[in-house]
Amino acid sequence: QVQLVESGGGLVQAGGSLRLSCAASTRTFSIYGMGWFRQAPGKEREFVAAISGSGVSTRYADSVKGRFTISRDNAKNTVYLQMNSLKPEDTAVYYCAATRFRDGNVYYGVNAYGYWGQGTQVTVSS
């Protein structure tokens, strides 16, 4: 089992920045690809970014490409999402997730993830 705890959400003005963190409780963190998803009220959960177990490979949704950066520190069992140039449409609950496949690859589909955090609210005011 992998337990995930997100932190770093909050209220920010448009154009501002936030950094989300996700701490994982597993001794084998590097074998899991990790991802960030978000869900706005009345909408389905959507992919934001993903990173391979080694941290070498990343993937982003088109809507955040060039503004968000995913990274990980395997020594600290933590994955990060740096969010810059935030827009009101980025407002959502952001979830950290670990893949169900212990192969360290990058996945962007919701169904590829078997472990989820509780979510952290990000609100961007205009």
N, C-alpha and C. Protein backbone atom coordinates (compact mmCIF):
# COMPACT_ATOMS: atom_id res chain seq x y z
N GLN A 1 0.83 -1.19 0.00
CA GLN A 1 0.00 0.00 0.00
C GLN A 1 0.87 1.24 0.00
N VAL A 2 0.39 2.26 -0.68
CA VAL A 2 1.08 3.54 -0.74
C VAL A 2 0.11 4.60 -0.24
N GLN A 3 0.53 5.32 0.77
CA GLN A 3 -0.29 6.44 1.25
C GLN A 3 0.33 7.74 0.78
N LEU A 4 -0.52 8.66 0.33
CA LEU A 4 -0.07 9.91 -0.24
C LEU A 4 -0.72 11.08 0.48
N VAL A 5 0.06 12.08 0.80
CA VAL A 5 -0.45 13.26 1.49
C VAL A 5 0.02 14.51 0.75
N GLU A 6 -0.95 15.27 0.22
CA GLU A 6 -0.62 16.50 -0.50
C GLU A 6 -0.60 17.69 0.45
N SER A 7 0.13 18.71 0.04
CA SER A 7 0.16 19.98 0.76
C SER A 7 0.54 21.09 -0.21
N GLY A 8 0.29 22.34 0.21
CA GLY A 8 0.74 23.47 -0.59
C GLY A 8 -0.35 24.20 -1.34
N GLY A 9 -1.58 23.72 -1.27
CA GLY A 9 -2.66 24.43 -1.96
C GLY A 9 -2.99 25.74 -1.26
N GLY A 10 -3.86 26.52 -1.87
CA GLY A 10 -4.26 27.79 -1.27
C GLY A 10 -4.91 28.71 -2.27
N LEU A 11 -5.02 29.97 -1.87
CA LEU A 11 -5.63 31.01 -2.69
C LEU A 11 -4.53 31.90 -3.25
N VAL A 12 -4.58 32.15 -4.55
CA VAL A 12 -3.57 32.97 -5.20
C VAL A 12 -4.23 33.80 -6.29
N GLN A 13 -3.67 34.94 -6.56
CA GLN A 13 -4.19 35.78 -7.65
C GLN A 13 -3.71 35.26 -9.00
N ALA A 14 -4.47 35.57 -10.02
CA ALA A 14 -4.08 35.19 -11.37
C ALA A 14 -2.68 35.74 -11.67
N GLY A 15 -1.87 34.89 -12.31
CA GLY A 15 -0.49 35.26 -12.60
C GLY A 15 0.48 34.83 -11.53
N GLY A 16 -0.03 34.40 -10.39
CA GLY A 16 0.81 33.99 -9.28
C GLY A 16 1.29 32.55 -9.40
N SER A 17 1.98 32.10 -8.36
CA SER A 17 2.57 30.76 -8.35
C SER A 17 2.25 30.03 -7.05
N LEU A 18 2.23 28.72 -7.15
CA LEU A 18 2.11 27.83 -6.00
C LEU A 18 2.94 26.60 -6.27
N ARG A 19 3.41 25.96 -5.20
CA ARG A 19 4.08 24.68 -5.34
C ARG A 19 3.38 23.67 -4.47
N LEU A 20 2.90 22.61 -5.09
CA LEU A 20 2.27 21.52 -4.37
C LEU A 20 3.31 20.44 -4.08
N SER A 21 3.16 19.81 -2.93
CA SER A 21 4.03 18.69 -2.56
C SER A 21 3.16 17.48 -2.25
N CYS A 22 3.74 16.32 -2.45
CA CYS A 22 3.03 15.07 -2.15
C CYS A 22 4.04 14.10 -1.55
N ALA A 23 3.83 13.76 -0.30
CA ALA A 23 4.72 12.84 0.41
C ALA A 23 4.13 11.43 0.37
N ALA A 24 4.98 10.47 0.02
CA ALA A 24 4.54 9.08 -0.10
C ALA A 24 5.13 8.22 1.00
N SER A 25 4.30 7.32 1.50
CA SER A 25 4.76 6.41 2.57
C SER A 25 5.04 5.04 1.97
N THR A 26 6.17 4.89 1.35
CA THR A 26 6.60 3.62 0.79
C THR A 26 8.11 3.59 0.73
N ARG A 27 8.67 2.39 0.91
CA ARG A 27 10.13 2.26 0.86
C ARG A 27 10.63 2.09 -0.57
N THR A 28 9.68 1.90 -1.49
CA THR A 28 10.05 1.66 -2.89
C THR A 28 9.49 2.75 -3.79
N PHE A 29 9.62 3.97 -3.39
CA PHE A 29 9.00 5.10 -4.09
C PHE A 29 9.43 5.18 -5.55
N SER A 30 10.68 4.87 -5.85
CA SER A 30 11.20 5.07 -7.20
C SER A 30 10.63 4.09 -8.22
N ILE A 31 9.93 3.06 -7.81
CA ILE A 31 9.36 2.12 -8.78
C ILE A 31 7.99 2.59 -9.26
N TYR A 32 7.47 3.65 -8.64
CA TYR A 32 6.15 4.15 -9.01
C TYR A 32 6.25 5.39 -9.89
N GLY A 33 5.57 5.33 -11.05
CA GLY A 33 5.33 6.56 -11.76
C GLY A 33 4.34 7.37 -10.94
N MET A 34 4.47 8.68 -10.98
CA MET A 34 3.60 9.55 -10.18
C MET A 34 2.90 10.55 -11.07
N GLY A 35 1.73 10.97 -10.63
CA GLY A 35 0.98 11.93 -11.43
C GLY A 35 0.22 12.92 -10.57
N TRP A 36 -0.14 14.01 -11.20
CA TRP A 36 -1.03 15.02 -10.60
C TRP A 36 -2.28 15.11 -11.49
N PHE A 37 -3.41 15.12 -10.84
CA PHE A 37 -4.69 15.29 -11.50
C PHE A 37 -5.44 16.42 -10.80
N ARG A 38 -6.48 16.92 -11.44
CA ARG A 38 -7.30 17.94 -10.80
C ARG A 38 -8.77 17.74 -11.16
N GLN A 39 -9.61 18.24 -10.29
CA GLN A 39 -11.05 18.13 -10.52
C GLN A 39 -11.73 19.41 -10.07
N ALA A 40 -12.37 20.07 -11.01
CA ALA A 40 -13.13 21.28 -10.73
C ALA A 40 -14.58 20.89 -10.47
N PRO A 41 -15.33 21.72 -9.77
CA PRO A 41 -16.73 21.40 -9.47
C PRO A 41 -17.53 21.11 -10.73
N GLY A 42 -18.24 20.00 -10.72
CA GLY A 42 -19.08 19.64 -11.85
C GLY A 42 -18.35 19.06 -13.04
N LYS A 43 -17.05 18.85 -12.90
CA LYS A 43 -16.26 18.32 -14.01
C LYS A 43 -15.59 17.01 -13.60
N GLU A 44 -15.17 16.26 -14.61
CA GLU A 44 -14.46 15.02 -14.35
C GLU A 44 -13.02 15.30 -13.94
N ARG A 45 -12.45 14.33 -13.25
CA ARG A 45 -11.04 14.44 -12.88
C ARG A 45 -10.19 14.39 -14.15
N GLU A 46 -9.22 15.31 -14.26
CA GLU A 46 -8.42 15.36 -15.47
C GLU A 46 -6.94 15.30 -15.17
N PHE A 47 -6.21 14.76 -16.11
CA PHE A 47 -4.77 14.65 -16.01
C PHE A 47 -4.11 16.02 -16.09
N VAL A 48 -3.08 16.20 -15.27
CA VAL A 48 -2.31 17.45 -15.28
C VAL A 48 -0.86 17.18 -15.70
N ALA A 49 -0.21 16.28 -14.98
CA ALA A 49 1.20 16.00 -15.26
C ALA A 49 1.58 14.65 -14.67
N ALA A 50 2.62 14.05 -15.25
CA ALA A 50 3.11 12.76 -14.74
C ALA A 50 4.63 12.70 -14.87
N ILE A 51 5.23 11.86 -14.05
CA ILE A 51 6.69 11.74 -14.06
C ILE A 51 7.05 10.27 -13.83
N SER A 52 8.12 9.84 -14.49
CA SER A 52 8.57 8.45 -14.34
C SER A 52 9.22 8.24 -12.98
N GLY A 53 9.45 6.99 -12.64
CA GLY A 53 10.04 6.66 -11.36
C GLY A 53 11.42 7.27 -11.17
N SER A 54 12.18 7.32 -12.23
CA SER A 54 13.52 7.90 -12.15
C SER A 54 13.52 9.41 -12.20
N GLY A 55 12.41 9.98 -12.66
CA GLY A 55 12.32 11.43 -12.80
C GLY A 55 12.79 11.95 -14.15
N VAL A 56 13.26 11.07 -15.00
CA VAL A 56 13.81 11.49 -16.29
C VAL A 56 12.72 11.88 -17.28
N SER A 57 11.62 11.15 -17.28
CA SER A 57 10.55 11.39 -18.25
C SER A 57 9.36 12.08 -17.59
N THR A 58 8.81 13.06 -18.30
CA THR A 58 7.63 13.76 -17.81
C THR A 58 6.62 13.92 -18.94
N ARG A 59 5.38 14.19 -18.56
CA ARG A 59 4.32 14.41 -19.54
C ARG A 59 3.35 15.40 -18.94
N TYR A 60 2.79 16.30 -19.80
CA TYR A 60 1.90 17.35 -19.34
C TYR A 60 0.66 17.44 -20.19
N ALA A 61 -0.42 17.87 -19.56
CA ALA A 61 -1.61 18.23 -20.32
C ALA A 61 -1.31 19.51 -21.11
N ASP A 62 -1.91 19.63 -22.28
CA ASP A 62 -1.66 20.81 -23.11
C ASP A 62 -2.01 22.10 -22.37
N SER A 63 -3.02 22.04 -21.53
CA SER A 63 -3.50 23.25 -20.85
C SER A 63 -2.49 23.81 -19.84
N VAL A 64 -1.53 23.00 -19.41
CA VAL A 64 -0.57 23.47 -18.40
C VAL A 64 0.87 23.48 -18.91
N LYS A 65 1.07 22.99 -20.12
CA LYS A 65 2.42 22.90 -20.67
C LYS A 65 3.05 24.28 -20.73
N GLY A 66 4.29 24.37 -20.24
CA GLY A 66 4.99 25.64 -20.22
C GLY A 66 4.74 26.47 -18.98
N ARG A 67 3.74 26.10 -18.19
CA ARG A 67 3.43 26.83 -16.95
C ARG A 67 3.68 25.99 -15.71
N PHE A 68 3.43 24.69 -15.80
CA PHE A 68 3.59 23.79 -14.65
C PHE A 68 4.81 22.90 -14.87
N THR A 69 5.45 22.53 -13.76
CA THR A 69 6.59 21.62 -13.81
C THR A 69 6.45 20.57 -12.72
N ILE A 70 6.51 19.31 -13.13
CA ILE A 70 6.48 18.21 -12.17
C ILE A 70 7.91 17.74 -11.92
N SER A 71 8.20 17.42 -10.68
CA SER A 71 9.52 16.91 -10.33
C SER A 71 9.37 15.97 -9.13
N ARG A 72 10.44 15.26 -8.82
CA ARG A 72 10.39 14.36 -7.68
C ARG A 72 11.76 14.27 -7.03
N ASP A 73 11.75 13.97 -5.73
CA ASP A 73 12.97 13.73 -4.97
C ASP A 73 12.81 12.36 -4.34
N ASN A 74 13.42 11.35 -4.93
CA ASN A 74 13.23 9.99 -4.44
C ASN A 74 13.87 9.77 -3.07
N ALA A 75 14.84 10.57 -2.71
CA ALA A 75 15.43 10.46 -1.38
C ALA A 75 14.46 10.92 -0.30
N LYS A 76 13.53 11.79 -0.68
CA LYS A 76 12.54 12.31 0.27
C LYS A 76 11.15 11.72 0.05
N ASN A 77 11.03 10.78 -0.90
CA ASN A 77 9.73 10.17 -1.20
C ASN A 77 8.67 11.23 -1.49
N THR A 78 9.04 12.23 -2.26
CA THR A 78 8.15 13.37 -2.49
C THR A 78 8.12 13.74 -3.97
N VAL A 79 6.93 14.07 -4.43
CA VAL A 79 6.75 14.60 -5.79
C VAL A 79 6.18 16.00 -5.67
N TYR A 80 6.57 16.86 -6.61
CA TYR A 80 6.18 18.28 -6.55
C TYR A 80 5.47 18.69 -7.83
N LEU A 81 4.67 19.73 -7.71
CA LEU A 81 4.09 20.37 -8.89
C LEU A 81 4.26 21.87 -8.71
N GLN A 82 5.18 22.44 -9.47
CA GLN A 82 5.37 23.88 -9.47
C GLN A 82 4.42 24.50 -10.48
N MET A 83 3.58 25.41 -10.03
CA MET A 83 2.56 26.00 -10.89
C MET A 83 2.81 27.50 -10.99
N ASN A 84 3.13 27.95 -12.19
CA ASN A 84 3.38 29.37 -12.45
C ASN A 84 2.33 29.93 -13.39
N SER A 85 2.25 31.23 -13.45
CA SER A 85 1.29 31.91 -14.34
C SER A 85 -0.10 31.33 -14.20
N LEU A 86 -0.53 31.20 -12.98
CA LEU A 86 -1.82 30.57 -12.72
C LEU A 86 -2.97 31.38 -13.28
N LYS A 87 -3.99 30.66 -13.72
CA LYS A 87 -5.19 31.26 -14.31
C LYS A 87 -6.41 30.83 -13.49
N PRO A 88 -7.48 31.62 -13.55
CA PRO A 88 -8.70 31.22 -12.82
C PRO A 88 -9.18 29.82 -13.21
N GLU A 89 -8.97 29.42 -14.45
CA GLU A 89 -9.42 28.09 -14.88
C GLU A 89 -8.56 26.96 -14.31
N ASP A 90 -7.50 27.28 -13.61
CA ASP A 90 -6.72 26.28 -12.90
C ASP A 90 -7.33 25.93 -11.54
N THR A 91 -8.35 26.67 -11.15
CA THR A 91 -9.01 26.41 -9.87
C THR A 91 -9.61 25.00 -9.84
N ALA A 92 -9.22 24.24 -8.82
CA ALA A 92 -9.67 22.84 -8.72
C ALA A 92 -9.09 22.23 -7.45
N VAL A 93 -9.56 21.04 -7.14
CA VAL A 93 -8.89 20.22 -6.14
C VAL A 93 -7.84 19.41 -6.88
N TYR A 94 -6.60 19.48 -6.40
CA TYR A 94 -5.49 18.79 -7.04
C TYR A 94 -5.15 17.53 -6.25
N TYR A 95 -5.02 16.43 -6.99
CA TYR A 95 -4.75 15.13 -6.39
C TYR A 95 -3.40 14.59 -6.88
N CYS A 96 -2.67 14.04 -5.95
CA CYS A 96 -1.45 13.31 -6.25
C CYS A 96 -1.82 11.83 -6.37
N ALA A 97 -1.14 11.10 -7.27
CA ALA A 97 -1.46 9.69 -7.45
C ALA A 97 -0.21 8.91 -7.81
N ALA A 98 -0.21 7.64 -7.40
CA ALA A 98 0.86 6.71 -7.75
C ALA A 98 0.27 5.60 -8.62
N THR A 99 1.06 5.20 -9.63
CA THR A 99 0.54 4.20 -10.56
C THR A 99 0.36 2.84 -9.90
N ARG A 100 -0.58 2.06 -10.44
CA ARG A 100 -0.79 0.69 -9.97
C ARG A 100 0.26 -0.24 -10.58
N PHE A 101 0.94 0.23 -11.63
CA PHE A 101 1.97 -0.57 -12.30
C PHE A 101 3.33 -0.19 -11.73
N ARG A 102 4.01 -1.15 -11.13
CA ARG A 102 5.26 -0.85 -10.43
C ARG A 102 6.43 -1.00 -11.38
N ASP A 103 6.35 -0.23 -12.48
CA ASP A 103 7.39 -0.31 -13.51
C ASP A 103 8.09 1.01 -13.75
N GLY A 104 7.70 2.03 -13.00
CA GLY A 104 8.37 3.32 -13.10
C GLY A 104 8.08 4.11 -14.35
N ASN A 105 7.14 3.65 -15.17
CA ASN A 105 6.84 4.35 -16.41
C ASN A 105 5.90 5.53 -16.20
N VAL A 106 5.77 6.35 -17.24
CA VAL A 106 4.87 7.50 -17.21
C VAL A 106 3.51 7.09 -17.76
N TYR A 107 2.45 7.43 -17.05
CA TYR A 107 1.09 7.14 -17.48
C TYR A 107 0.25 8.41 -17.31
N TYR A 108 -0.71 8.61 -18.21
CA TYR A 108 -1.56 9.79 -18.09
C TYR A 108 -3.03 9.44 -17.90
N GLY A 109 -3.40 8.17 -18.00
CA GLY A 109 -4.80 7.79 -17.81
C GLY A 109 -5.13 7.61 -16.34
N VAL A 110 -6.31 8.06 -15.96
CA VAL A 110 -6.75 7.94 -14.57
C VAL A 110 -6.72 6.49 -14.10
N ASN A 111 -7.10 5.57 -14.96
CA ASN A 111 -7.20 4.16 -14.57
C ASN A 111 -5.85 3.51 -14.32
N ALA A 112 -4.76 4.17 -14.72
CA ALA A 112 -3.43 3.62 -14.48
C ALA A 112 -2.96 3.85 -13.06
N TYR A 113 -3.70 4.66 -12.33
CA TYR A 113 -3.29 5.03 -10.97
C TYR A 113 -4.14 4.32 -9.93
N GLY A 114 -3.45 3.71 -8.97
CA GLY A 114 -4.14 2.91 -7.97
C GLY A 114 -4.12 3.49 -6.58
N TYR A 115 -3.35 4.54 -6.39
CA TYR A 115 -3.22 5.15 -5.06
C TYR A 115 -3.40 6.66 -5.20
N TRP A 116 -4.23 7.22 -4.33
CA TRP A 116 -4.59 8.63 -4.43
C TRP A 116 -4.46 9.33 -3.09
N GLY A 117 -4.06 10.59 -3.14
CA GLY A 117 -4.09 11.41 -1.95
C GLY A 117 -5.48 11.97 -1.70
N GLN A 118 -5.60 12.74 -0.64
CA GLN A 118 -6.92 13.28 -0.26
C GLN A 118 -7.27 14.54 -1.04
N GLY A 119 -6.29 15.12 -1.70
CA GLY A 119 -6.53 16.32 -2.50
C GLY A 119 -6.23 17.60 -1.73
N THR A 120 -5.85 18.62 -2.48
CA THR A 120 -5.61 19.94 -1.90
C THR A 120 -6.23 21.00 -2.80
N GLN A 121 -6.93 21.95 -2.21
CA GLN A 121 -7.66 22.96 -2.98
C GLN A 121 -6.71 24.05 -3.49
N VAL A 122 -6.83 24.35 -4.76
CA VAL A 122 -6.14 25.48 -5.37
C VAL A 122 -7.19 26.42 -5.94
N THR A 123 -7.18 27.65 -5.50
CA THR A 123 -8.13 28.65 -5.97
C THR A 123 -7.37 29.84 -6.53
N VAL A 124 -7.67 30.17 -7.79
CA VAL A 124 -7.01 31.29 -8.46
C VAL A 124 -8.05 32.38 -8.71
N SER A 125 -7.85 33.52 -8.11
CA SER A 125 -8.79 34.63 -8.26
C SER A 125 -8.39 35.52 -9.43
N SER A 126 -9.38 36.08 -10.08
CA SER A 126 -9.12 36.94 -11.25
C SER A 126 -8.90 38.38 -10.85
